[in-house]
N, C-alpha and C. Protein backbone atom coordinates (compact mmCIF):
# COMPACT_ATOMS: atom_id res chain seq x y z
N ASP A 1 0.80 -0.97 0.28
CA ASP A 1 0.02 0.14 -0.05
C ASP A 1 0.90 1.23 -0.08
N VAL A 2 0.42 2.49 -0.25
CA VAL A 2 0.69 3.82 -0.74
C VAL A 2 0.85 4.60 0.33
N VAL A 3 -0.15 3.93 1.24
CA VAL A 3 -0.95 5.05 2.70
C VAL A 3 0.01 3.85 4.35
N PRO A 4 0.36 5.14 4.60
CA PRO A 4 1.63 4.91 5.54
C PRO A 4 0.08 3.91 7.22
N GLU A 5 -0.90 5.15 7.20
CA GLU A 5 -1.75 4.30 7.97
C GLU A 5 -2.58 3.28 7.63
N PHE A 6 -2.21 2.57 6.75
CA PHE A 6 -2.88 1.05 6.41
C PHE A 6 -2.27 0.22 6.99
N LEU A 7 -0.77 0.43 6.02
CA LEU A 7 0.19 -0.14 6.40
C LEU A 7 0.14 -0.49 7.93
N LYS A 8 0.41 0.87 9.02
CA LYS A 8 0.22 0.56 10.59
C LYS A 8 -1.04 -0.50 10.99
N ALA A 9 -2.10 -0.17 10.32
CA ALA A 9 -3.18 -1.43 10.74
C ALA A 9 -2.77 -2.27 10.53
N ALA A 10 -2.43 -2.84 8.96
CA ALA A 10 -2.00 -4.14 8.56
C ALA A 10 -0.91 -4.44 9.85
N ARG A 11 0.21 -3.99 9.95
CA ARG A 11 1.00 -5.00 10.34
C ARG A 11 0.77 -5.20 12.09
N ARG A 12 -0.15 -4.53 12.99
CA ARG A 12 -0.99 -4.69 13.92
C ARG A 12 -1.78 -5.99 13.79
N ARG A 13 -2.31 -6.08 12.93
CA ARG A 13 -3.78 -7.65 12.68
C ARG A 13 -2.41 -8.62 12.57
N LEU A 14 -1.25 -8.41 11.77
CA LEU A 14 -0.52 -9.38 11.53
C LEU A 14 0.66 -9.21 11.73
N PRO A 15 1.03 -9.06 12.69
CA PRO A 15 2.96 -8.50 12.71
C PRO A 15 3.39 -9.67 12.10
N GLN A 16 3.37 -10.77 11.59
CA GLN A 16 4.25 -12.13 11.74
C GLN A 16 4.03 -11.44 10.01
N ALA A 17 3.69 -11.07 9.48
CA ALA A 17 3.48 -10.40 7.66
C ALA A 17 4.69 -9.36 7.35
N LEU A 18 4.76 -9.46 6.02
CA LEU A 18 6.14 -8.96 5.68
C LEU A 18 5.30 -7.77 4.75
N PHE A 19 4.87 -6.13 5.16
CA PHE A 19 4.42 -5.07 4.34
C PHE A 19 5.16 -4.48 4.39
N ARG A 20 4.95 -3.89 2.67
CA ARG A 20 5.88 -2.79 1.85
C ARG A 20 4.93 -1.41 1.70
N ARG A 21 5.82 -0.44 1.21
CA ARG A 21 5.21 0.54 1.36
C ARG A 21 5.67 0.91 -0.41
N MET A 22 4.71 0.96 -1.66
CA MET A 22 5.08 0.48 -2.41
C MET A 22 3.61 1.29 -3.61
N ASP A 23 4.15 1.63 -4.41
CA ASP A 23 2.83 2.26 -5.73
C ASP A 23 2.81 1.12 -6.89
N VAL A 24 1.60 1.04 -7.04
CA VAL A 24 1.02 -0.55 -7.42
C VAL A 24 1.48 -0.48 -9.09
N CYS A 25 1.60 0.85 -9.19
CA CYS A 25 2.29 1.64 -11.02
C CYS A 25 3.33 1.25 -10.84
N GLN A 26 4.65 1.12 -9.54
CA GLN A 26 5.98 0.44 -9.71
C GLN A 26 6.26 -0.01 -8.90
N MET A 27 6.13 -1.22 -8.98
CA MET A 27 6.36 -2.22 -8.30
C MET A 27 7.54 -3.00 -8.45
N ARG A 28 8.22 -3.19 -7.33
CA ARG A 28 9.82 -4.27 -7.28
C ARG A 28 10.00 -4.96 -6.99
N PHE A 29 9.33 -6.47 -7.57
CA PHE A 29 8.77 -7.80 -6.99
C PHE A 29 9.81 -8.38 -8.35
N ALA A 30 10.76 -9.61 -8.10
CA ALA A 30 11.46 -10.76 -8.97
C ALA A 30 10.08 -11.35 -9.54
N ASP A 31 10.21 -11.57 -11.23
CA ASP A 31 9.60 -12.05 -11.61
C ASP A 31 9.19 -13.63 -10.93
N CYS A 32 8.05 -13.66 -11.03
CA CYS A 32 7.46 -15.60 -10.39
C CYS A 32 7.40 -15.60 -9.25
N SER A 33 7.69 -14.22 -7.89
CA SER A 33 7.72 -13.92 -6.75
C SER A 33 5.94 -14.65 -6.32
N PHE A 34 5.48 -15.06 -6.73
CA PHE A 34 3.53 -14.93 -5.91
C PHE A 34 2.81 -15.74 -6.01
N ASP A 35 2.43 -16.30 -5.22
CA ASP A 35 1.28 -17.88 -5.67
C ASP A 35 -0.16 -17.00 -5.95
N GLY A 36 -0.10 -15.41 -5.41
CA GLY A 36 -1.38 -14.95 -5.98
C GLY A 36 -1.65 -13.38 -5.55
N ILE A 37 -2.21 -12.87 -6.16
CA ILE A 37 -2.19 -11.59 -5.59
C ILE A 37 -3.98 -10.84 -5.40
N TRP A 38 -4.10 -10.51 -4.57
CA TRP A 38 -5.95 -10.02 -4.26
C TRP A 38 -5.69 -8.27 -4.18
N ALA A 39 -6.25 -8.15 -5.41
CA ALA A 39 -6.23 -6.91 -5.53
C ALA A 39 -7.78 -5.83 -5.08
N SER A 40 -7.97 -5.93 -4.03
CA SER A 40 -9.36 -5.35 -3.80
C SER A 40 -9.23 -3.66 -3.19
N ALA A 41 -10.29 -3.15 -4.47
CA ALA A 41 -10.17 -1.76 -4.26
C ALA A 41 -8.73 -0.97 -4.02
N VAL A 42 -7.89 -1.56 -5.28
CA VAL A 42 -6.53 -1.15 -5.28
C VAL A 42 -6.96 -0.36 -6.68
N LEU A 43 -6.89 -1.08 -7.73
CA LEU A 43 -7.20 -0.40 -9.33
C LEU A 43 -8.38 0.53 -9.39
N LEU A 44 -9.03 0.59 -8.94
CA LEU A 44 -10.04 1.51 -8.51
C LEU A 44 -9.29 2.96 -8.58
N HIS A 45 -7.96 2.95 -8.04
CA HIS A 45 -7.67 4.34 -7.92
C HIS A 45 -6.24 4.22 -8.48
N VAL A 46 -6.45 3.85 -9.40
CA VAL A 46 -5.46 4.09 -11.01
C VAL A 46 -6.01 4.52 -12.40
N GLU A 47 -5.15 5.34 -12.59
CA GLU A 47 -5.64 6.13 -14.20
C GLU A 47 -5.77 4.68 -14.78
N ARG A 48 -6.75 5.10 -15.94
CA ARG A 48 -7.37 3.97 -16.59
C ARG A 48 -6.35 3.26 -17.51
N LYS A 49 -5.70 4.31 -18.38
CA LYS A 49 -4.82 4.48 -19.13
C LYS A 49 -3.26 3.15 -18.42
N LYS A 50 -2.96 3.34 -17.04
CA LYS A 50 -2.10 2.70 -16.83
C LYS A 50 -2.69 1.29 -16.19
N ILE A 51 -3.86 0.66 -16.25
CA ILE A 51 -4.39 -0.51 -15.86
C ILE A 51 -3.87 -1.71 -16.52
N PRO A 52 -3.19 -1.90 -18.23
CA PRO A 52 -3.10 -2.55 -18.69
C PRO A 52 -1.43 -3.00 -18.15
N SER A 53 -0.91 -1.72 -17.80
CA SER A 53 0.86 -2.21 -17.25
C SER A 53 0.94 -2.52 -16.23
N VAL A 54 -0.23 -2.33 -15.13
CA VAL A 54 0.07 -2.83 -13.55
C VAL A 54 -0.66 -4.16 -13.98
N LEU A 55 -1.55 -4.61 -14.62
CA LEU A 55 -2.20 -5.65 -14.98
C LEU A 55 -1.25 -6.86 -15.54
N CYS A 56 -0.07 -6.46 -16.14
CA CYS A 56 1.13 -6.97 -17.00
C CYS A 56 2.48 -7.22 -15.64
N SER A 57 2.15 -6.12 -14.87
CA SER A 57 3.37 -6.31 -14.77
C SER A 57 2.29 -7.54 -13.15
N PHE A 58 1.48 -7.34 -12.42
CA PHE A 58 0.75 -8.26 -11.94
C PHE A 58 1.44 -9.80 -12.50
N TYR A 59 0.91 -10.12 -14.19
CA TYR A 59 1.28 -11.12 -14.72
C TYR A 59 2.61 -12.12 -14.64
N ASN A 60 3.31 -11.09 -14.14
CA ASN A 60 4.85 -11.36 -14.44
C ASN A 60 5.21 -11.43 -12.66
N ILE A 61 5.09 -11.19 -12.22
CA ILE A 61 5.23 -11.53 -10.84
C ILE A 61 4.29 -12.80 -9.89
N LEU A 62 3.52 -12.95 -10.97
CA LEU A 62 2.86 -14.66 -10.26
C LEU A 62 3.65 -15.68 -10.91
N LYS A 63 3.52 -16.67 -9.99
CA LYS A 63 3.97 -17.75 -10.47
C LYS A 63 3.21 -18.57 -11.45
N SER A 64 3.32 -19.31 -12.51
CA SER A 64 2.42 -20.06 -13.39
C SER A 64 1.84 -20.52 -12.36
N GLY A 65 0.47 -20.60 -13.37
CA GLY A 65 -0.81 -21.56 -11.92
C GLY A 65 -0.89 -20.19 -10.62
N GLY A 66 -1.15 -18.97 -10.79
CA GLY A 66 -1.00 -17.93 -9.82
C GLY A 66 -2.56 -17.16 -10.24
N MET A 67 -2.53 -17.30 -8.72
CA MET A 67 -4.56 -16.46 -9.05
C MET A 67 -4.19 -15.50 -8.34
N LEU A 68 -5.42 -14.68 -9.60
CA LEU A 68 -5.63 -13.13 -9.52
C LEU A 68 -6.83 -12.54 -9.63
N CYS A 69 -7.29 -11.65 -8.02
CA CYS A 69 -8.42 -11.31 -7.29
C CYS A 69 -8.16 -9.92 -7.87
N VAL A 70 -9.25 -9.20 -8.66
CA VAL A 70 -9.29 -8.03 -9.13
C VAL A 70 -10.87 -7.49 -8.14
N ILE A 71 -10.53 -6.70 -7.34
CA ILE A 71 -11.86 -6.26 -7.52
C ILE A 71 -12.14 -4.17 -7.30
N VAL A 72 -12.96 -3.66 -8.13
CA VAL A 72 -12.86 -2.45 -8.83
C VAL A 72 -14.52 -2.04 -8.68
N LYS A 73 -14.75 -0.92 -8.03
CA LYS A 73 -16.20 -0.41 -8.63
C LYS A 73 -16.56 -0.39 -10.04
N HIS A 74 -18.26 -0.61 -10.05
CA HIS A 74 -18.67 -0.90 -11.18
C HIS A 74 -19.24 0.64 -11.61
N GLY A 75 -18.76 1.17 -12.63
CA GLY A 75 -18.89 2.30 -13.12
C GLY A 75 -18.40 2.95 -14.32
N LYS A 76 -18.99 4.11 -15.12
CA LYS A 76 -17.75 4.66 -16.24
C LYS A 76 -17.35 5.66 -15.86
N GLY A 77 -16.47 5.98 -16.47
CA GLY A 77 -15.56 7.18 -16.06
C GLY A 77 -14.40 7.35 -14.81
N GLU A 78 -14.05 8.32 -14.68
CA GLU A 78 -12.71 8.54 -13.66
C GLU A 78 -12.63 10.02 -13.20
N GLY A 79 -12.41 10.49 -11.54
CA GLY A 79 -12.30 11.14 -11.10
C GLY A 79 -11.64 12.02 -9.69
N LEU A 80 -11.69 12.46 -9.20
CA LEU A 80 -12.01 13.04 -7.61
C LEU A 80 -13.06 12.46 -7.47
N ILE A 81 -12.93 12.29 -6.13
CA ILE A 81 -14.34 11.90 -5.28
C ILE A 81 -13.68 12.18 -4.06
N ALA A 82 -14.56 12.55 -3.10
CA ALA A 82 -14.80 12.86 -2.08
C ALA A 82 -15.67 11.94 -1.16
N GLU A 83 -15.09 10.81 -0.32
CA GLU A 83 -15.89 9.95 0.47
C GLU A 83 -15.57 10.19 1.71
N GLU A 84 -16.66 9.07 2.96
CA GLU A 84 -16.82 9.34 3.88
C GLU A 84 -15.38 8.96 4.98
N LEU A 85 -15.12 7.56 3.86
CA LEU A 85 -14.24 6.52 4.11
C LEU A 85 -12.45 7.05 4.42
N SER A 86 -12.49 8.01 3.83
CA SER A 86 -11.43 9.34 3.32
C SER A 86 -11.52 10.39 4.22
N GLY A 87 -12.47 10.73 5.24
CA GLY A 87 -12.32 12.03 5.89
C GLY A 87 -13.05 13.09 4.74
N ASN A 88 -13.93 12.80 4.17
CA ASN A 88 -14.12 13.92 2.69
C ASN A 88 -12.85 14.15 1.82
N ARG A 89 -11.96 13.93 2.02
CA ARG A 89 -10.79 14.19 0.86
C ARG A 89 -11.02 13.47 -0.18
N LYS A 90 -10.97 14.58 -1.16
CA LYS A 90 -10.96 14.08 -2.67
C LYS A 90 -9.89 12.81 -3.15
N ARG A 91 -10.55 11.86 -3.59
CA ARG A 91 -9.11 11.10 -3.67
C ARG A 91 -9.38 10.82 -5.59
N LYS A 92 -9.00 9.67 -5.96
CA LYS A 92 -8.43 9.75 -7.54
C LYS A 92 -9.37 8.25 -7.60
N PHE A 93 -10.87 7.93 -8.49
CA PHE A 93 -11.48 6.84 -8.76
C PHE A 93 -11.26 6.81 -9.92
N THR A 94 -11.41 5.45 -10.38
CA THR A 94 -11.44 4.54 -11.73
C THR A 94 -12.62 3.83 -11.63
N PHE A 95 -13.88 3.90 -12.47
CA PHE A 95 -14.97 3.26 -12.46
C PHE A 95 -14.79 2.34 -13.82
N PHE A 96 -15.17 0.74 -13.58
CA PHE A 96 -15.23 -0.27 -14.89
C PHE A 96 -16.10 -0.96 -14.60
N LEU A 97 -16.76 -1.48 -16.13
CA LEU A 97 -17.41 -1.85 -16.48
C LEU A 97 -17.16 -3.53 -16.08
N LYS A 98 -18.09 -4.07 -16.53
CA LYS A 98 -17.62 -5.51 -16.12
C LYS A 98 -16.79 -6.40 -17.50
N SER A 99 -17.89 -6.18 -18.56
CA SER A 99 -16.79 -6.48 -19.43
C SER A 99 -15.48 -5.69 -19.97
N GLU A 100 -15.03 -4.38 -19.57
CA GLU A 100 -14.12 -3.73 -19.84
C GLU A 100 -12.66 -4.45 -18.74
N MET A 101 -13.15 -4.60 -17.75
CA MET A 101 -12.28 -4.85 -16.50
C MET A 101 -12.07 -6.72 -16.97
N GLU A 102 -13.22 -7.78 -17.20
CA GLU A 102 -12.71 -8.60 -18.63
C GLU A 102 -11.56 -8.87 -19.21
N ARG A 103 -11.77 -7.47 -19.92
CA ARG A 103 -11.02 -7.61 -21.24
C ARG A 103 -9.78 -7.58 -21.16
N TYR A 104 -9.24 -6.28 -19.72
CA TYR A 104 -8.23 -6.07 -19.53
C TYR A 104 -7.59 -7.09 -19.09
N ILE A 105 -8.17 -8.17 -18.23
CA ILE A 105 -6.88 -9.00 -17.58
C ILE A 105 -6.86 -10.15 -18.70
N ARG A 106 -7.86 -10.47 -19.15
CA ARG A 106 -7.41 -11.34 -20.75
C ARG A 106 -6.61 -10.91 -21.49
N GLU A 107 -6.31 -9.36 -21.98
CA GLU A 107 -6.00 -9.24 -22.89
C GLU A 107 -3.86 -8.93 -21.75
N SER A 108 -4.04 -9.38 -20.85
CA SER A 108 -2.65 -9.64 -20.10
C SER A 108 -2.49 -10.32 -20.18
N GLY A 109 -3.03 -11.88 -20.17
CA GLY A 109 -2.66 -13.08 -20.87
C GLY A 109 -3.48 -14.03 -19.75
N PHE A 110 -4.06 -13.31 -18.79
CA PHE A 110 -4.78 -14.07 -18.05
C PHE A 110 -5.90 -14.68 -18.32
N LYS A 111 -6.57 -16.38 -17.50
CA LYS A 111 -7.44 -16.98 -17.81
C LYS A 111 -8.33 -16.33 -17.33
N ILE A 112 -9.29 -15.90 -17.62
CA ILE A 112 -10.73 -15.77 -16.35
C ILE A 112 -11.70 -16.84 -15.89
N LEU A 113 -11.43 -17.04 -14.49
CA LEU A 113 -12.17 -18.32 -14.12
C LEU A 113 -13.89 -17.94 -13.32
N GLU A 114 -14.09 -16.87 -13.06
CA GLU A 114 -15.23 -16.26 -12.40
C GLU A 114 -14.99 -15.04 -12.34
N SER A 115 -16.10 -14.27 -13.04
CA SER A 115 -16.70 -13.12 -12.77
C SER A 115 -18.07 -12.15 -12.62
N THR A 116 -17.98 -11.73 -11.63
CA THR A 116 -19.06 -10.85 -10.68
C THR A 116 -19.61 -9.65 -10.97
N LEU A 117 -20.87 -9.34 -10.50
CA LEU A 117 -21.17 -7.86 -9.97
C LEU A 117 -21.81 -7.97 -9.03
N GLN A 118 -21.47 -7.50 -8.03
CA GLN A 118 -21.93 -7.65 -6.55
C GLN A 118 -22.07 -6.71 -6.18
N LYS A 119 -23.20 -6.44 -4.94
CA LYS A 119 -23.76 -5.30 -4.07
C LYS A 119 -22.49 -5.00 -3.00
N ASP A 120 -22.75 -3.99 -2.54
CA ASP A 120 -21.52 -3.59 -1.52
C ASP A 120 -22.05 -3.88 -0.01
N VAL A 121 -21.45 -5.24 0.57
CA VAL A 121 -21.55 -4.99 1.71
C VAL A 121 -21.83 -4.14 3.00
N LEU A 122 -21.27 -2.84 2.56
CA LEU A 122 -21.77 -2.20 3.53
C LEU A 122 -22.51 -1.36 3.39
N GLY A 123 -23.83 -1.61 2.22
CA GLY A 123 -24.70 -0.58 1.76
C GLY A 123 -24.49 0.50 1.41
N ARG A 124 -23.56 0.53 0.85
CA ARG A 124 -23.26 2.73 0.30
C ARG A 124 -23.45 2.20 -0.79
N GLY A 125 -24.50 1.59 -1.99
CA GLY A 125 -25.43 2.10 -2.84
C GLY A 125 -24.19 1.89 -3.90
N VAL A 126 -22.83 1.17 -3.79
CA VAL A 126 -22.08 0.77 -5.24
C VAL A 126 -22.50 -0.28 -5.24
N LYS A 127 -21.34 -0.90 -6.86
CA LYS A 127 -21.57 -1.85 -7.20
C LYS A 127 -19.55 -2.36 -7.26
N TRP A 128 -19.61 -3.81 -7.46
CA TRP A 128 -18.14 -3.93 -7.19
C TRP A 128 -18.46 -5.04 -8.45
N VAL A 129 -17.13 -4.61 -9.34
CA VAL A 129 -16.93 -6.25 -10.10
C VAL A 129 -15.66 -6.65 -9.92
N SER A 130 -15.95 -8.16 -10.02
CA SER A 130 -15.22 -9.28 -9.36
C SER A 130 -14.36 -10.05 -9.92
N VAL A 131 -13.06 -10.18 -9.87
CA VAL A 131 -12.42 -11.11 -11.28
C VAL A 131 -11.35 -11.68 -10.23
N LEU A 132 -11.78 -13.39 -10.88
CA LEU A 132 -10.86 -14.31 -10.35
C LEU A 132 -10.38 -14.65 -11.94
N ALA A 133 -9.34 -14.59 -11.29
CA ALA A 133 -8.09 -15.19 -12.58
C ALA A 133 -6.97 -16.25 -12.13
N GLN A 134 -6.35 -16.70 -13.56
CA GLN A 134 -5.26 -17.49 -13.50
C GLN A 134 -4.31 -17.73 -14.40
N LYS A 135 -2.71 -17.00 -14.20
CA LYS A 135 -2.15 -16.77 -14.88
C LYS A 135 -1.97 -18.96 -15.42
N PRO A 136 -1.84 -18.86 -16.44
CA PRO A 136 -1.92 -20.48 -17.01
C PRO A 136 -0.76 -21.25 -16.74
N LEU A 137 -1.10 -21.97 -16.62
CA LEU A 137 0.28 -23.37 -16.34
C LEU A 137 1.02 -22.92 -17.94
N PRO A 138 2.20 -23.33 -18.24
CA PRO A 138 2.55 -23.70 -19.09
C PRO A 138 2.51 -25.43 -19.74
N PRO A 139 2.60 -24.82 -21.06
CA PRO A 139 1.90 -26.57 -21.78
C PRO A 139 2.74 -27.54 -21.08
N LYS A 140 2.37 -28.67 -21.21
CA LYS A 140 2.64 -29.95 -20.44
C LYS A 140 4.16 -30.03 -20.81
N GLU A 141 4.78 -30.31 -22.29
CA GLU A 141 5.97 -30.59 -22.57
C GLU A 141 7.14 -29.42 -21.61
N GLU A 142 6.26 -28.26 -21.39
CA GLU A 142 7.09 -27.40 -20.58
C GLU A 142 7.34 -27.36 -19.60
N TYR A 143 5.97 -28.40 -19.03
CA TYR A 143 6.55 -28.37 -17.09
C TYR A 143 6.97 -29.57 -17.42
N ARG A 144 7.25 -30.41 -18.02
CA ARG A 144 7.79 -31.94 -17.83
C ARG A 144 8.76 -31.48 -17.74
N LYS A 145 9.67 -30.62 -18.25
CA LYS A 145 11.26 -29.85 -18.66
C LYS A 145 11.20 -29.57 -17.69
N ILE A 146 10.54 -28.58 -16.92
CA ILE A 146 10.93 -27.64 -15.74
C ILE A 146 11.02 -28.38 -14.64
N ASN A 147 10.35 -29.70 -14.25
CA ASN A 147 10.04 -30.70 -13.31
C ASN A 147 10.80 -31.57 -13.35
N VAL A 148 11.66 -31.69 -14.39
CA VAL A 148 12.63 -33.26 -14.58
C VAL A 148 13.61 -33.03 -13.69
């Protein structure tokens, strides 16, 4: 996360985990470092034009067969919006149609396993696009070579 307060709260809840302050648009992880990425309410703060690049970096840092979960606010457009959650400070929001986010994820090389449009569990009157995808495993011939 880029927000120090969010990192402090995360460290309190899970002190044994490693947390880093980092911008999702400039991640510094080695390729094939992770089994999964859970990006809930993360990409909605990224400019639309940067989404393909961020998703490609997710693809690169995931291991073959790795899982990706992306959850963003449903809608159209982008802009600065004040919310109660942020103390009514204006923050950047980008909204996505379900088909749009699916296309971005597919074009980044992922296989979509499930995609849904869900109501907000906190009753805030928004809907969420939720996509579960997987980085494909290599073809069986390559898999045998890697694991021999």
